[in-house]
Amino acid sequence: MNADGPGQEEAALDIDDPSRGDERRAIRAVAEAIQARLLQTPLSAAEWVDPAEDARGAAERLRARTFDQAPTGTGLAVEGFVLTDELARAEVGAIAGHHLHPLDASHVVSGSAPVLPVLEALAAGGRMVFVVDGREVTGFITDSDLNKHPVRTHFYLLLSSLEAVMAAWVRREFPDLEVAVELLGDEATKVRSRYRRDQRANVALDLVTGMDVSHLLTIVGNRADGRSLFGP
């Protein structure tokens, strides 16, 4: 069970395999469940900077509120955003608009976007991403928003889903789970010990119950068809 037979890798990478598709869809569904609109700070609750405002004065105001960035515009018409540290370094008498990061496609995500595109937009576009629902900018997301409960829940559920998928794969592909446990080397003893402990407490289903995520990753990664769960 722990070796790849001839032609096995080619078969393992067949994305039309129904069982592989179901497992990937399970992971994707959890990853897409939490959307950008749940993470955003509404524009109505934001600390705004007027483009005509004195840059250093705006920096002092933002620092007093412990904000590293803020949306910029007049009224609720978004023109872009400014960074507090850049405003603080501005020349005396300079206006905030001189340090404007303009609103463009790299700073925008859909309100229905899941967490991953938000992370990508923050990495590519800077420290603020605006959320658009329909044709309206409704709010923004900064890197500090990634510590909100919805994001932590997202990653917890994603990890739990991944663990469940890998556990199901191990149970299906290793009818004799001792063969799978042997792939863990020195960690095999720990898994067997956990299993015996849980068995005495009548809470153990099988040896997989005694495995954690790192054990499952080791077993799944031992075979090409297991690695294919994460993509070709």
C-alpha atoms as a PDB file:
ATOM      1  CA  MET A   1       0.000   0.000   0.000  1.00  0.00           C
ATOM      2  CA  ASN A   2       2.932   2.365   0.542  1.00  0.00           C
ATOM      3  CA  ALA A   3       4.365   2.262  -2.974  1.00  0.00           C
ATOM      4  CA  ASP A   4       3.086   3.673  -6.231  1.00  0.00           C
ATOM      5  CA  GLY A   5       2.521   1.015  -8.851  1.00  0.00           C
ATOM      6  CA  PRO A   6       3.121   1.463 -12.594  1.00  0.00           C
ATOM      7  CA  GLY A   7       0.842   4.089 -14.037  1.00  0.00           C
ATOM      8  CA  GLN A   8      -0.687   4.850 -10.637  1.00  0.00           C
ATOM      9  CA  GLU A   9       0.364   8.494 -10.617  1.00  0.00           C
ATOM     10  CA  GLU A  10      -1.318   9.198 -13.955  1.00  0.00           C
ATOM     11  CA  ALA A  11      -4.555   7.657 -12.698  1.00  0.00           C
ATOM     12  CA  ALA A  12      -4.298   9.519  -9.391  1.00  0.00           C
ATOM     13  CA  LEU A  13      -4.221  12.876 -11.121  1.00  0.00           C
ATOM     14  CA  ASP A  14      -7.491  12.259 -12.982  1.00  0.00           C
ATOM     15  CA  ILE A  15      -9.657  15.126 -11.740  1.00  0.00           C
ATOM     16  CA  ASP A  16     -12.753  13.372 -13.063  1.00  0.00           C
ATOM     17  CA  ASP A  17     -12.449  10.688 -10.365  1.00  0.00           C
ATOM     18  CA  PRO A  18     -15.769  11.222  -8.469  1.00  0.00           C
ATOM     19  CA  SER A  19     -14.324  10.445  -5.032  1.00  0.00           C
ATOM     20  CA  ARG A  20     -11.497  12.954  -5.487  1.00  0.00           C
ATOM     21  CA  GLY A  21     -13.959  15.551  -6.769  1.00  0.00           C
ATOM     22  CA  ASP A  22     -16.224  15.180  -3.729  1.00  0.00           C
ATOM     23  CA  GLU A  23     -13.310  15.627  -1.348  1.00  0.00           C
ATOM     24  CA  ARG A  24     -12.036  18.714  -3.135  1.00  0.00           C
ATOM     25  CA  ARG A  25     -15.529  20.206  -3.235  1.00  0.00           C
ATOM     26  CA  ALA A  26     -15.849  19.671   0.519  1.00  0.00           C
ATOM     27  CA  ILE A  27     -12.690  21.672   1.154  1.00  0.00           C
ATOM     28  CA  ARG A  28     -13.691  24.379  -1.348  1.00  0.00           C
ATOM     29  CA  ALA A  29     -17.165  24.766   0.167  1.00  0.00           C
ATOM     30  CA  VAL A  30     -15.737  25.558   3.591  1.00  0.00           C
ATOM     31  CA  ALA A  31     -13.115  27.896   2.131  1.00  0.00           C
ATOM     32  CA  GLU A  32     -15.787  29.898   0.290  1.00  0.00           C
ATOM     33  CA  ALA A  33     -18.319  30.050   3.115  1.00  0.00           C
ATOM     34  CA  ILE A  34     -16.937  33.227   4.724  1.00  0.00           C
ATOM     35  CA  GLN A  35     -17.087  36.228   2.412  1.00  0.00           C
ATOM     36  CA  ALA A  36     -15.488  39.656   2.236  1.00  0.00           C
ATOM     37  CA  ARG A  37     -18.677  41.428   3.307  1.00  0.00           C
ATOM     38  CA  LEU A  38     -18.382  39.693   6.711  1.00  0.00           C
ATOM     39  CA  LEU A  39     -14.884  41.089   7.240  1.00  0.00           C
ATOM     40  CA  GLN A  40     -15.317  44.664   6.097  1.00  0.00           C
ATOM     41  CA  THR A  41     -15.448  47.828   8.152  1.00  0.00           C
ATOM     42  CA  PRO A  42     -18.441  49.798   6.788  1.00  0.00           C
ATOM     43  CA  LEU A  43     -17.547  53.152   5.242  1.00  0.00           C
ATOM     44  CA  SER A  44     -20.047  54.817   7.585  1.00  0.00           C
ATOM     45  CA  ALA A  45     -17.961  53.662  10.577  1.00  0.00           C
ATOM     46  CA  ALA A  46     -14.608  54.695   9.130  1.00  0.00           C
ATOM     47  CA  GLU A  47     -12.226  57.447  10.172  1.00  0.00           C
ATOM     48  CA  TRP A  48     -11.965  59.429   6.947  1.00  0.00           C
ATOM     49  CA  VAL A  49      -9.187  61.692   5.696  1.00  0.00           C
ATOM     50  CA  ASP A  50     -10.106  64.596   3.432  1.00  0.00           C
ATOM     51  CA  PRO A  51      -7.663  64.889   0.497  1.00  0.00           C
ATOM     52  CA  ALA A  52      -7.355  68.632   1.222  1.00  0.00           C
ATOM     53  CA  GLU A  53      -6.522  68.046   4.888  1.00  0.00           C
ATOM     54  CA  ASP A  54      -3.066  68.810   6.265  1.00  0.00           C
ATOM     55  CA  ALA A  55      -1.092  65.569   5.952  1.00  0.00           C
ATOM     56  CA  ARG A  56       0.746  65.750   9.264  1.00  0.00           C
ATOM     57  CA  GLY A  57      -2.395  66.780  11.109  1.00  0.00           C
ATOM     58  CA  ALA A  58      -4.232  63.812   9.618  1.00  0.00           C
ATOM     59  CA  ALA A  59      -1.394  61.516  10.705  1.00  0.00           C
ATOM     60  CA  GLU A  60      -1.655  62.726  14.296  1.00  0.00           C
ATOM     61  CA  ARG A  61      -5.403  62.151  14.296  1.00  0.00           C
ATOM     62  CA  LEU A  62      -5.049  58.636  12.876  1.00  0.00           C
ATOM     63  CA  ARG A  63      -2.275  57.718  15.305  1.00  0.00           C
ATOM     64  CA  ALA A  64      -4.413  58.892  18.205  1.00  0.00           C
ATOM     65  CA  ARG A  65      -7.008  56.367  17.031  1.00  0.00           C
ATOM     66  CA  THR A  66      -4.287  53.725  16.391  1.00  0.00           C
ATOM     67  CA  PHE A  67      -5.144  53.549  12.684  1.00  0.00           C
ATOM     68  CA  ASP A  68      -2.384  52.644  10.232  1.00  0.00           C
ATOM     69  CA  GLN A  69      -4.460  53.662   7.212  1.00  0.00           C
ATOM     70  CA  ALA A  70      -7.749  55.328   6.356  1.00  0.00           C
ATOM     71  CA  PRO A  71     -10.065  55.795   3.371  1.00  0.00           C
ATOM     72  CA  THR A  72      -9.767  59.105   1.581  1.00  0.00           C
ATOM     73  CA  GLY A  73     -12.472  61.100  -0.186  1.00  0.00           C
ATOM     74  CA  THR A  74     -15.156  63.689   0.260  1.00  0.00           C
ATOM     75  CA  GLY A  75     -18.373  62.652   1.928  1.00  0.00           C
ATOM     76  CA  LEU A  76     -18.709  58.928   1.289  1.00  0.00           C
ATOM     77  CA  ALA A  77     -17.209  59.147  -2.215  1.00  0.00           C
ATOM     78  CA  VAL A  78     -14.081  56.999  -2.035  1.00  0.00           C
ATOM     79  CA  GLU A  79     -11.023  58.248  -3.888  1.00  0.00           C
ATOM     80  CA  GLY A  80      -8.555  55.801  -2.361  1.00  0.00           C
ATOM     81  CA  PHE A  81      -6.662  55.510   0.911  1.00  0.00           C
ATOM     82  CA  VAL A  82      -3.708  56.990   2.781  1.00  0.00           C
ATOM     83  CA  LEU A  83      -1.119  55.410   5.069  1.00  0.00           C
ATOM     84  CA  THR A  84      -0.486  57.026   8.420  1.00  0.00           C
ATOM     85  CA  ASP A  85       3.293  56.599   8.306  1.00  0.00           C
ATOM     86  CA  GLU A  86       3.482  58.260   4.883  1.00  0.00           C
ATOM     87  CA  LEU A  87       1.388  61.213   6.080  1.00  0.00           C
ATOM     88  CA  ALA A  88       3.635  61.616   9.114  1.00  0.00           C
ATOM     89  CA  ARG A  89       6.679  61.964   6.848  1.00  0.00           C
ATOM     90  CA  ALA A  90       5.037  64.568   4.619  1.00  0.00           C
ATOM     91  CA  GLU A  91       6.588  67.980   4.133  1.00  0.00           C
ATOM     92  CA  VAL A  92       5.263  70.795   6.308  1.00  0.00           C
ATOM     93  CA  GLY A  93       2.115  72.201   4.728  1.00  0.00           C
ATOM     94  CA  ALA A  94       1.586  69.232   2.366  1.00  0.00           C
ATOM     95  CA  ILE A  95      -1.963  67.976   1.957  1.00  0.00           C
ATOM     96  CA  ALA A  96      -3.083  64.387   2.439  1.00  0.00           C
ATOM     97  CA  GLY A  97      -4.107  64.107  -1.206  1.00  0.00           C
ATOM     98  CA  HIS A  98      -0.447  64.229  -2.233  1.00  0.00           C
ATOM     99  CA  HIS A  99      -0.040  60.807  -0.569  1.00  0.00           C
ATOM    100  CA  LEU A 100      -3.224  59.260  -1.915  1.00  0.00           C
ATOM    101  CA  HIS A 101      -3.206  55.618  -3.047  1.00  0.00           C
ATOM    102  CA  PRO A 102      -5.951  55.847  -5.682  1.00  0.00           C
ATOM    103  CA  LEU A 103      -8.839  53.432  -5.894  1.00  0.00           C
ATOM    104  CA  ASP A 104      -8.289  50.986  -8.756  1.00  0.00           C
ATOM    105  CA  ALA A 105      -8.937  47.359  -9.646  1.00  0.00           C
ATOM    106  CA  SER A 106      -6.040  46.089  -7.508  1.00  0.00           C
ATOM    107  CA  HIS A 107      -7.690  47.554  -4.390  1.00  0.00           C
ATOM    108  CA  VAL A 108     -11.188  46.128  -4.937  1.00  0.00           C
ATOM    109  CA  VAL A 109     -12.850  42.798  -4.135  1.00  0.00           C
ATOM    110  CA  SER A 110     -16.443  41.666  -4.469  1.00  0.00           C
ATOM    111  CA  GLY A 111     -18.546  41.417  -1.339  1.00  0.00           C
ATOM    112  CA  SER A 112     -19.041  37.719  -2.145  1.00  0.00           C
ATOM    113  CA  ALA A 113     -15.305  37.033  -2.461  1.00  0.00           C
ATOM    114  CA  PRO A 114     -14.006  34.327  -0.094  1.00  0.00           C
ATOM    115  CA  VAL A 115     -11.007  34.870   2.167  1.00  0.00           C
ATOM    116  CA  LEU A 116      -8.276  33.745  -0.255  1.00  0.00           C
ATOM    117  CA  PRO A 117      -8.911  36.457  -2.908  1.00  0.00           C
ATOM    118  CA  VAL A 118      -8.999  39.009  -0.091  1.00  0.00           C
ATOM    119  CA  LEU A 119      -5.563  37.866   1.079  1.00  0.00           C
ATOM    120  CA  GLU A 120      -4.272  38.014  -2.489  1.00  0.00           C
ATOM    121  CA  ALA A 121      -5.667  41.517  -2.994  1.00  0.00           C
ATOM    122  CA  LEU A 122      -4.084  42.758   0.226  1.00  0.00           C
ATOM    123  CA  ALA A 123      -0.750  41.274  -0.804  1.00  0.00           C
ATOM    124  CA  ALA A 124      -0.904  42.728  -4.324  1.00  0.00           C
ATOM    125  CA  GLY A 125      -2.640  46.055  -3.758  1.00  0.00           C
ATOM    126  CA  GLY A 126      -1.326  47.328  -0.465  1.00  0.00           C
ATOM    127  CA  ARG A 127      -2.673  47.586   3.065  1.00  0.00           C
ATOM    128  CA  MET A 128      -6.321  48.347   2.275  1.00  0.00           C
ATOM    129  CA  VAL A 129      -8.852  46.648   0.003  1.00  0.00           C
ATOM    130  CA  PHE A 130     -12.298  48.078  -0.720  1.00  0.00           C
ATOM    131  CA  VAL A 131     -15.387  45.871  -0.824  1.00  0.00           C
ATOM    132  CA  VAL A 132     -17.897  46.341  -3.625  1.00  0.00           C
ATOM    133  CA  ASP A 133     -21.473  45.061  -3.527  1.00  0.00           C
ATOM    134  CA  GLY A 134     -23.149  45.624  -6.865  1.00  0.00           C
ATOM    135  CA  ARG A 135     -21.825  48.985  -8.046  1.00  0.00           C
ATOM    136  CA  GLU A 136     -21.383  50.452  -4.573  1.00  0.00           C
ATOM    137  CA  VAL A 137     -18.283  50.549  -2.361  1.00  0.00           C
ATOM    138  CA  THR A 138     -19.651  49.437   1.001  1.00  0.00           C
ATOM    139  CA  GLY A 139     -16.552  49.096   3.156  1.00  0.00           C
ATOM    140  CA  PHE A 140     -12.915  48.156   3.356  1.00  0.00           C
ATOM    141  CA  ILE A 141     -10.631  45.471   4.746  1.00  0.00           C
ATOM    142  CA  THR A 142      -7.144  45.895   6.182  1.00  0.00           C
ATOM    143  CA  ASP A 143      -4.619  43.340   7.388  1.00  0.00           C
ATOM    144  CA  SER A 144      -5.778  43.881  10.979  1.00  0.00           C
ATOM    145  CA  ASP A 145      -9.248  42.642   9.971  1.00  0.00           C
ATOM    146  CA  LEU A 146      -7.737  39.211   9.317  1.00  0.00           C
ATOM    147  CA  ASN A 147      -7.747  38.679  13.079  1.00  0.00           C
ATOM    148  CA  LYS A 148     -11.530  38.964  13.263  1.00  0.00           C
ATOM    149  CA  HIS A 149     -13.621  36.005  14.390  1.00  0.00           C
ATOM    150  CA  PRO A 150     -14.949  35.179  10.892  1.00  0.00           C
ATOM    151  CA  VAL A 151     -11.405  34.768   9.541  1.00  0.00           C
ATOM    152  CA  ARG A 152     -10.267  32.663  12.480  1.00  0.00           C
ATOM    153  CA  THR A 153     -13.433  30.580  12.081  1.00  0.00           C
ATOM    154  CA  HIS A 154     -12.704  30.243   8.365  1.00  0.00           C
ATOM    155  CA  PHE A 155      -9.260  28.773   8.931  1.00  0.00           C
ATOM    156  CA  TYR A 156     -10.452  26.557  11.780  1.00  0.00           C
ATOM    157  CA  LEU A 157     -13.245  25.104   9.644  1.00  0.00           C
ATOM    158  CA  LEU A 158     -10.920  24.729   6.689  1.00  0.00           C
ATOM    159  CA  LEU A 159      -8.402  22.805   8.784  1.00  0.00           C
ATOM    160  CA  SER A 160     -11.174  20.656  10.277  1.00  0.00           C
ATOM    161  CA  SER A 161     -12.529  19.916   6.808  1.00  0.00           C
ATOM    162  CA  LEU A 162      -9.065  19.035   5.540  1.00  0.00           C
ATOM    163  CA  GLU A 163      -8.495  16.723   8.504  1.00  0.00           C
ATOM    164  CA  ALA A 164     -11.815  14.962   7.916  1.00  0.00           C
ATOM    165  CA  VAL A 165     -11.078  14.505   4.199  1.00  0.00           C
ATOM    166  CA  MET A 166      -7.639  13.043   4.883  1.00  0.00           C
ATOM    167  CA  ALA A 167      -8.988  10.730   7.602  1.00  0.00           C
ATOM    168  CA  ALA A 168     -11.667   9.424   5.217  1.00  0.00           C
ATOM    169  CA  TRP A 169      -9.034   8.874   2.521  1.00  0.00           C
ATOM    170  CA  VAL A 170      -6.777   6.905   4.900  1.00  0.00           C
ATOM    171  CA  ARG A 171      -9.661   4.707   6.037  1.00  0.00           C
ATOM    172  CA  ARG A 172     -10.677   4.023   2.434  1.00  0.00           C
ATOM    173  CA  GLU A 173      -7.220   3.388   1.009  1.00  0.00           C
ATOM    174  CA  PHE A 174      -5.804   1.375   3.927  1.00  0.00           C
ATOM    175  CA  PRO A 175      -8.204  -1.442   4.880  1.00  0.00           C
ATOM    176  CA  ASP A 176      -5.465  -2.603   7.257  1.00  0.00           C
ATOM    177  CA  LEU A 177      -4.752   0.600   9.190  1.00  0.00           C
ATOM    178  CA  GLU A 178      -1.632  -0.897  10.741  1.00  0.00           C
ATOM    179  CA  VAL A 179      -0.004  -0.516   7.316  1.00  0.00           C
ATOM    180  CA  ALA A 180      -0.779   3.209   7.420  1.00  0.00           C
ATOM    181  CA  VAL A 181       0.475   3.578  10.987  1.00  0.00           C
ATOM    182  CA  GLU A 182       3.790   1.971  10.047  1.00  0.00           C
ATOM    183  CA  LEU A 183       4.400   4.869   7.652  1.00  0.00           C
ATOM    184  CA  LEU A 184       4.650   7.185  10.661  1.00  0.00           C
ATOM    185  CA  GLY A 185       7.949   5.795  11.926  1.00  0.00           C
ATOM    186  CA  ASP A 186       8.632   6.847  15.510  1.00  0.00           C
ATOM    187  CA  GLU A 187       5.214   8.514  15.738  1.00  0.00           C
ATOM    188  CA  ALA A 188       3.474   5.149  15.294  1.00  0.00           C
ATOM    189  CA  THR A 189       3.900   4.364  18.986  1.00  0.00           C
ATOM    190  CA  LYS A 190       2.134   7.595  19.949  1.00  0.00           C
ATOM    191  CA  VAL A 191      -0.812   6.831  17.656  1.00  0.00           C
ATOM    192  CA  ARG A 192      -1.224   3.301  19.040  1.00  0.00           C
ATOM    193  CA  SER A 193      -0.999   4.613  22.610  1.00  0.00           C
ATOM    194  CA  ARG A 194      -3.719   7.203  21.976  1.00  0.00           C
ATOM    195  CA  TYR A 195      -5.908   4.585  20.338  1.00  0.00           C
ATOM    196  CA  ARG A 196      -5.593   2.189  23.296  1.00  0.00           C
ATOM    197  CA  ARG A 197      -6.344   5.030  25.734  1.00  0.00           C
ATOM    198  CA  ASP A 198      -9.442   6.105  23.821  1.00  0.00           C
ATOM    199  CA  GLN A 199     -10.518   2.497  23.367  1.00  0.00           C
ATOM    200  CA  ARG A 200     -10.551   2.045  27.138  1.00  0.00           C
ATOM    201  CA  ALA A 201     -12.752   5.150  27.350  1.00  0.00           C
ATOM    202  CA  ASN A 202     -15.050   3.763  24.619  1.00  0.00           C
ATOM    203  CA  VAL A 203     -14.470   6.799  22.382  1.00  0.00           C
ATOM    204  CA  ALA A 204     -12.099   5.318  19.790  1.00  0.00           C
ATOM    205  CA  LEU A 205     -13.403   4.324  16.367  1.00  0.00           C
ATOM    206  CA  ASP A 206     -10.134   3.007  14.945  1.00  0.00           C
ATOM    207  CA  LEU A 207      -6.431   3.832  14.724  1.00  0.00           C
ATOM    208  CA  VAL A 208      -7.162   6.966  12.705  1.00  0.00           C
ATOM    209  CA  THR A 209      -8.774   8.383  15.851  1.00  0.00           C
ATOM    210  CA  GLY A 210      -5.313   8.532  17.404  1.00  0.00           C
ATOM    211  CA  MET A 211      -3.816  10.544  14.517  1.00  0.00           C
ATOM    212  CA  ASP A 212      -3.422  14.296  14.346  1.00  0.00           C
ATOM    213  CA  VAL A 213      -3.134  16.444  11.213  1.00  0.00           C
ATOM    214  CA  SER A 214       0.626  15.937  10.887  1.00  0.00           C
ATOM    215  CA  HIS A 215       0.183  12.142  10.963  1.00  0.00           C
ATOM    216  CA  LEU A 216      -2.518  12.264   8.308  1.00  0.00           C
ATOM    217  CA  LEU A 217      -0.399  14.537   6.103  1.00  0.00           C
ATOM    218  CA  THR A 218       2.519  12.085   6.373  1.00  0.00           C
ATOM    219  CA  ILE A 219       0.370   9.139   5.291  1.00  0.00           C
ATOM    220  CA  VAL A 220      -1.493  10.972   2.538  1.00  0.00           C
ATOM    221  CA  GLY A 221       1.738  12.475   1.224  1.00  0.00           C
ATOM    222  CA  ASN A 222       3.321   9.046   0.967  1.00  0.00           C
ATOM    223  CA  ARG A 223       1.354   8.254  -2.194  1.00  0.00           C
ATOM    224  CA  ALA A 224       0.826  10.148  -5.413  1.00  0.00           C
ATOM    225  CA  ASP A 225      -2.947   9.631  -5.342  1.00  0.00           C
ATOM    226  CA  GLY A 226      -2.982  11.062  -1.833  1.00  0.00           C
ATOM    227  CA  ARG A 227      -0.961  14.095  -2.869  1.00  0.00           C
ATOM    228  CA  SER A 228      -3.419  14.625  -5.733  1.00  0.00           C
ATOM    229  CA  LEU A 229      -6.056  15.646  -3.158  1.00  0.00           C
ATOM    230  CA  PHE A 230      -4.227  18.971  -3.022  1.00  0.00           C
ATOM    231  CA  GLY A 231      -4.113  19.430  -6.792  1.00  0.00           C
ATOM    232  CA  PRO A 232      -2.215  17.980  -9.763  1.00  0.00           C
END
